């Protein structure tokens, strides 16, 4: 997580693992970069879509993140969500999800 000179969040990177309907997992990392949908010195939100191409497949990924500053604990905390549709040769072969993954980030 990184904040700009104004104290607003301008970059968040998160690694995650989603459970898939077929019993497997989908692992990825997502980078949220400025401009975020909402950003202040005490809270931020962002959503987005992107495509990945893991060996022979196409993964369509929809993600969202939200966070707020907790002064009492001197750290950011929030939730992350992801939905992945895995496609091969034009057919959906699996759907994977992360629901409300809780995260936190404190001073380095």
Foldseek 3Di string as FASTA:
>chain_A
DDADPQQKDFKDKDWDWWAKPVGDIDTDMDMHGPPAPDIDNFKGKHKDWDWDDDDQKIKIKIKMWIWGADPVVQKIKTFMKMWIFIGHPRHGPIITIDPTDIDMDHDD
